[in-house]
Amino acid sequence: MKRFDIELAVGVFIIAGIICLGYLSIKLGRMEVLGEKGYDIIAIFTNSGGLKTGSSVKIAGVDVGKVKDVALDEYQARIIMNLPDNVKIQEDAIASIKTKGLIGEKYIEITPGGSDTLIKAGERIRETQPAIDLEQLISNFIFGKI
């Protein structure tokens, strides 16, 4: 009987550990178990600068969404962003690819516009600014092109 109690305790402990590991994987991976909520908008950039699926979308430095997809579309980067329903983007907003710190991760910063017309689900942000290519800037500086 004592051996059965120990085996039961070990089994419960292992199951609890697996549940905790699954919870942490979802939370740290910033994945949605039930799918995305909100709506998707699109931005076309000449250069994605290493932006990846799952990267943050920010307005005024506040995380408001995630990058859902990064794909090549007619030799340009087509970025699909998922935003919550309560975040509204004006049609004259500007989407820029930024870097956290000097060599940190990439994210999209949306600068709100002043228009009364809002972007609807599936529509595109017209104004974009691609990522600054740090390697190209350093190369230009070294070879005297600046």
C-alpha atoms as a PDB file:
ATOM      1  CA  MET A   1       0.000   0.000   0.000  1.00  0.00           C
ATOM      2  CA  LYS A   2       2.838   2.398   0.825  1.00  0.00           C
ATOM      3  CA  ARG A   3       4.479   1.778  -2.552  1.00  0.00           C
ATOM      4  CA  PHE A   4       1.193   2.668  -4.333  1.00  0.00           C
ATOM      5  CA  ASP A   5       1.001   5.993  -2.420  1.00  0.00           C
ATOM      6  CA  ILE A   6       4.521   6.972  -3.485  1.00  0.00           C
ATOM      7  CA  GLU A   7       3.834   6.063  -7.126  1.00  0.00           C
ATOM      8  CA  LEU A   8       0.590   8.065  -7.047  1.00  0.00           C
ATOM      9  CA  ALA A   9       2.368  11.112  -5.574  1.00  0.00           C
ATOM     10  CA  VAL A  10       5.115  10.919  -8.231  1.00  0.00           C
ATOM     11  CA  GLY A  11       2.501  10.607 -10.988  1.00  0.00           C
ATOM     12  CA  VAL A  12       0.560  13.644  -9.719  1.00  0.00           C
ATOM     13  CA  PHE A  13       3.809  15.617  -9.442  1.00  0.00           C
ATOM     14  CA  ILE A  14       4.792  14.766 -13.047  1.00  0.00           C
ATOM     15  CA  ILE A  15       1.351  15.694 -14.399  1.00  0.00           C
ATOM     16  CA  ALA A  16       1.449  19.018 -12.512  1.00  0.00           C
ATOM     17  CA  GLY A  17       4.908  19.694 -13.974  1.00  0.00           C
ATOM     18  CA  ILE A  18       3.719  18.996 -17.519  1.00  0.00           C
ATOM     19  CA  ILE A  19       0.732  21.319 -17.043  1.00  0.00           C
ATOM     20  CA  CYS A  20       3.014  24.094 -15.721  1.00  0.00           C
ATOM     21  CA  LEU A  21       5.425  23.594 -18.625  1.00  0.00           C
ATOM     22  CA  GLY A  22       2.568  23.852 -21.141  1.00  0.00           C
ATOM     23  CA  TYR A  23       1.244  27.023 -19.477  1.00  0.00           C
ATOM     24  CA  LEU A  24       4.678  28.659 -19.509  1.00  0.00           C
ATOM     25  CA  SER A  25       5.249  27.685 -23.146  1.00  0.00           C
ATOM     26  CA  ILE A  26       2.012  29.376 -24.163  1.00  0.00           C
ATOM     27  CA  LYS A  27       2.596  32.481 -22.041  1.00  0.00           C
ATOM     28  CA  LEU A  28       6.254  32.977 -22.966  1.00  0.00           C
ATOM     29  CA  GLY A  29       5.619  32.141 -26.619  1.00  0.00           C
ATOM     30  CA  ARG A  30       2.751  34.642 -26.608  1.00  0.00           C
ATOM     31  CA  MET A  31       0.546  32.163 -28.404  1.00  0.00           C
ATOM     32  CA  GLU A  32      -3.222  32.141 -28.334  1.00  0.00           C
ATOM     33  CA  VAL A  33      -4.776  28.759 -27.615  1.00  0.00           C
ATOM     34  CA  LEU A  34      -8.204  29.644 -28.956  1.00  0.00           C
ATOM     35  CA  GLY A  35      -7.006  31.647 -31.968  1.00  0.00           C
ATOM     36  CA  GLU A  36      -6.550  35.351 -32.506  1.00  0.00           C
ATOM     37  CA  LYS A  37      -9.170  37.833 -31.492  1.00  0.00           C
ATOM     38  CA  GLY A  38      -9.548  41.196 -33.127  1.00  0.00           C
ATOM     39  CA  TYR A  39      -8.884  42.069 -36.748  1.00  0.00           C
ATOM     40  CA  ASP A  40      -6.033  41.949 -39.255  1.00  0.00           C
ATOM     41  CA  ILE A  41      -4.532  44.843 -41.187  1.00  0.00           C
ATOM     42  CA  ILE A  42      -1.798  44.819 -43.822  1.00  0.00           C
ATOM     43  CA  ALA A  43       1.312  46.923 -44.436  1.00  0.00           C
ATOM     44  CA  ILE A  44       3.716  46.661 -47.388  1.00  0.00           C
ATOM     45  CA  PHE A  45       7.388  47.482 -46.741  1.00  0.00           C
ATOM     46  CA  THR A  46      10.346  47.626 -49.143  1.00  0.00           C
ATOM     47  CA  ASN A  47      12.441  45.827 -46.494  1.00  0.00           C
ATOM     48  CA  SER A  48      11.234  43.892 -43.443  1.00  0.00           C
ATOM     49  CA  GLY A  49      14.642  44.219 -41.783  1.00  0.00           C
ATOM     50  CA  GLY A  50      14.402  40.853 -40.023  1.00  0.00           C
ATOM     51  CA  LEU A  51      10.898  41.331 -38.585  1.00  0.00           C
ATOM     52  CA  LYS A  52       9.440  37.979 -37.564  1.00  0.00           C
ATOM     53  CA  THR A  53       6.013  36.481 -37.010  1.00  0.00           C
ATOM     54  CA  GLY A  54       4.986  37.130 -33.407  1.00  0.00           C
ATOM     55  CA  SER A  55       6.810  40.463 -33.147  1.00  0.00           C
ATOM     56  CA  SER A  56       5.081  43.270 -31.256  1.00  0.00           C
ATOM     57  CA  VAL A  57       2.941  46.003 -32.772  1.00  0.00           C
ATOM     58  CA  LYS A  58       3.090  49.183 -30.668  1.00  0.00           C
ATOM     59  CA  ILE A  59       1.360  52.527 -30.524  1.00  0.00           C
ATOM     60  CA  ALA A  60       3.012  55.179 -28.325  1.00  0.00           C
ATOM     61  CA  GLY A  61       5.301  52.470 -26.912  1.00  0.00           C
ATOM     62  CA  VAL A  62       2.388  50.280 -25.752  1.00  0.00           C
ATOM     63  CA  ASP A  63       1.964  46.730 -27.081  1.00  0.00           C
ATOM     64  CA  VAL A  64      -1.347  46.618 -28.931  1.00  0.00           C
ATOM     65  CA  GLY A  65      -0.961  43.626 -31.236  1.00  0.00           C
ATOM     66  CA  LYS A  66       1.236  41.059 -32.928  1.00  0.00           C
ATOM     67  CA  VAL A  67       2.678  40.421 -36.362  1.00  0.00           C
ATOM     68  CA  LYS A  68       0.659  37.528 -37.741  1.00  0.00           C
ATOM     69  CA  ASP A  69       2.553  36.895 -40.982  1.00  0.00           C
ATOM     70  CA  VAL A  70       5.596  38.102 -42.926  1.00  0.00           C
ATOM     71  CA  ALA A  71       5.624  37.155 -46.603  1.00  0.00           C
ATOM     72  CA  LEU A  72       7.127  38.187 -49.928  1.00  0.00           C
ATOM     73  CA  ASP A  73       4.627  39.860 -52.255  1.00  0.00           C
ATOM     74  CA  GLU A  74       5.926  41.167 -55.605  1.00  0.00           C
ATOM     75  CA  TYR A  75       9.448  41.655 -54.186  1.00  0.00           C
ATOM     76  CA  GLN A  76       8.217  43.563 -51.167  1.00  0.00           C
ATOM     77  CA  ALA A  77       7.538  42.492 -47.585  1.00  0.00           C
ATOM     78  CA  ARG A  78       3.819  42.014 -46.884  1.00  0.00           C
ATOM     79  CA  ILE A  79       3.182  42.209 -43.146  1.00  0.00           C
ATOM     80  CA  ILE A  80      -0.143  41.139 -41.629  1.00  0.00           C
ATOM     81  CA  MET A  81      -0.788  42.505 -38.131  1.00  0.00           C
ATOM     82  CA  ASN A  82      -3.472  41.393 -35.693  1.00  0.00           C
ATOM     83  CA  LEU A  83      -4.942  44.142 -33.505  1.00  0.00           C
ATOM     84  CA  PRO A  84      -7.662  43.976 -30.846  1.00  0.00           C
ATOM     85  CA  ASP A  85     -11.109  45.329 -31.744  1.00  0.00           C
ATOM     86  CA  ASN A  86     -10.780  48.288 -29.356  1.00  0.00           C
ATOM     87  CA  VAL A  87      -7.681  49.652 -31.178  1.00  0.00           C
ATOM     88  CA  LYS A  88      -8.672  51.764 -34.180  1.00  0.00           C
ATOM     89  CA  ILE A  89      -6.151  52.863 -36.814  1.00  0.00           C
ATOM     90  CA  GLN A  90      -6.714  55.939 -38.999  1.00  0.00           C
ATOM     91  CA  GLU A  91      -6.224  55.650 -42.771  1.00  0.00           C
ATOM     92  CA  ASP A  92      -3.331  58.155 -42.678  1.00  0.00           C
ATOM     93  CA  ALA A  93      -1.417  56.320 -39.916  1.00  0.00           C
ATOM     94  CA  ILE A  94       2.257  55.478 -40.511  1.00  0.00           C
ATOM     95  CA  ALA A  95       3.721  52.016 -39.820  1.00  0.00           C
ATOM     96  CA  SER A  96       7.469  51.903 -39.136  1.00  0.00           C
ATOM     97  CA  ILE A  97       9.779  48.994 -38.389  1.00  0.00           C
ATOM     98  CA  LYS A  98      11.854  49.834 -35.322  1.00  0.00           C
ATOM     99  CA  THR A  99      14.502  48.080 -33.225  1.00  0.00           C
ATOM    100  CA  LYS A 100      14.550  47.750 -29.437  1.00  0.00           C
ATOM    101  CA  GLY A 101      17.989  49.066 -28.534  1.00  0.00           C
ATOM    102  CA  LEU A 102      20.993  48.944 -30.853  1.00  0.00           C
ATOM    103  CA  ILE A 103      20.746  45.314 -31.957  1.00  0.00           C
ATOM    104  CA  GLY A 104      17.522  44.257 -30.249  1.00  0.00           C
ATOM    105  CA  GLU A 105      14.423  42.643 -31.638  1.00  0.00           C
ATOM    106  CA  LYS A 106      12.325  44.288 -34.337  1.00  0.00           C
ATOM    107  CA  TYR A 107       8.791  45.551 -33.855  1.00  0.00           C
ATOM    108  CA  ILE A 108       6.256  47.701 -35.706  1.00  0.00           C
ATOM    109  CA  GLU A 109       5.473  51.183 -34.395  1.00  0.00           C
ATOM    110  CA  ILE A 110       2.225  52.684 -35.641  1.00  0.00           C
ATOM    111  CA  THR A 111       2.032  56.477 -35.550  1.00  0.00           C
ATOM    112  CA  PRO A 112      -1.646  57.481 -35.494  1.00  0.00           C
ATOM    113  CA  GLY A 113      -2.943  59.879 -38.103  1.00  0.00           C
ATOM    114  CA  GLY A 114      -5.479  62.661 -37.894  1.00  0.00           C
ATOM    115  CA  SER A 115      -8.097  61.323 -40.300  1.00  0.00           C
ATOM    116  CA  ASP A 116     -11.645  60.493 -39.246  1.00  0.00           C
ATOM    117  CA  THR A 117     -11.680  57.508 -41.625  1.00  0.00           C
ATOM    118  CA  LEU A 118     -10.552  54.261 -39.977  1.00  0.00           C
ATOM    119  CA  ILE A 119      -8.867  51.231 -41.513  1.00  0.00           C
ATOM    120  CA  LYS A 120     -11.204  48.233 -41.611  1.00  0.00           C
ATOM    121  CA  ALA A 121     -10.267  44.573 -41.234  1.00  0.00           C
ATOM    122  CA  GLY A 122      -8.183  43.365 -44.171  1.00  0.00           C
ATOM    123  CA  GLU A 123      -7.332  46.865 -45.401  1.00  0.00           C
ATOM    124  CA  ARG A 124      -3.855  48.294 -45.775  1.00  0.00           C
ATOM    125  CA  ILE A 125      -1.836  51.006 -44.056  1.00  0.00           C
ATOM    126  CA  ARG A 126      -0.665  53.177 -46.966  1.00  0.00           C
ATOM    127  CA  GLU A 127       2.301  54.964 -45.363  1.00  0.00           C
ATOM    128  CA  THR A 128       5.214  52.760 -44.261  1.00  0.00           C
ATOM    129  CA  GLN A 129       8.838  53.281 -43.289  1.00  0.00           C
ATOM    130  CA  PRO A 130      11.162  50.274 -43.639  1.00  0.00           C
ATOM    131  CA  ALA A 131      13.734  49.237 -41.061  1.00  0.00           C
ATOM    132  CA  ILE A 132      16.984  51.182 -40.969  1.00  0.00           C
ATOM    133  CA  ASP A 133      19.758  48.944 -42.276  1.00  0.00           C
ATOM    134  CA  LEU A 134      22.517  49.469 -39.694  1.00  0.00           C
ATOM    135  CA  GLU A 135      25.058  47.452 -41.701  1.00  0.00           C
ATOM    136  CA  GLN A 136      24.450  49.618 -44.765  1.00  0.00           C
ATOM    137  CA  LEU A 137      24.858  52.817 -42.716  1.00  0.00           C
ATOM    138  CA  ILE A 138      28.159  51.593 -41.259  1.00  0.00           C
ATOM    139  CA  SER A 139      29.375  50.537 -44.709  1.00  0.00           C
ATOM    140  CA  ASN A 140      28.492  53.936 -46.162  1.00  0.00           C
ATOM    141  CA  PHE A 141      30.297  55.685 -43.288  1.00  0.00           C
ATOM    142  CA  ILE A 142      33.431  53.556 -43.639  1.00  0.00           C
ATOM    143  CA  PHE A 143      33.688  54.070 -47.377  1.00  0.00           C
ATOM    144  CA  GLY A 144      32.943  57.795 -47.159  1.00  0.00           C
ATOM    145  CA  LYS A 145      29.548  57.820 -48.829  1.00  0.00           C
ATOM    146  CA  ILE A 146      27.974  59.883 -46.068  1.00  0.00           C
END
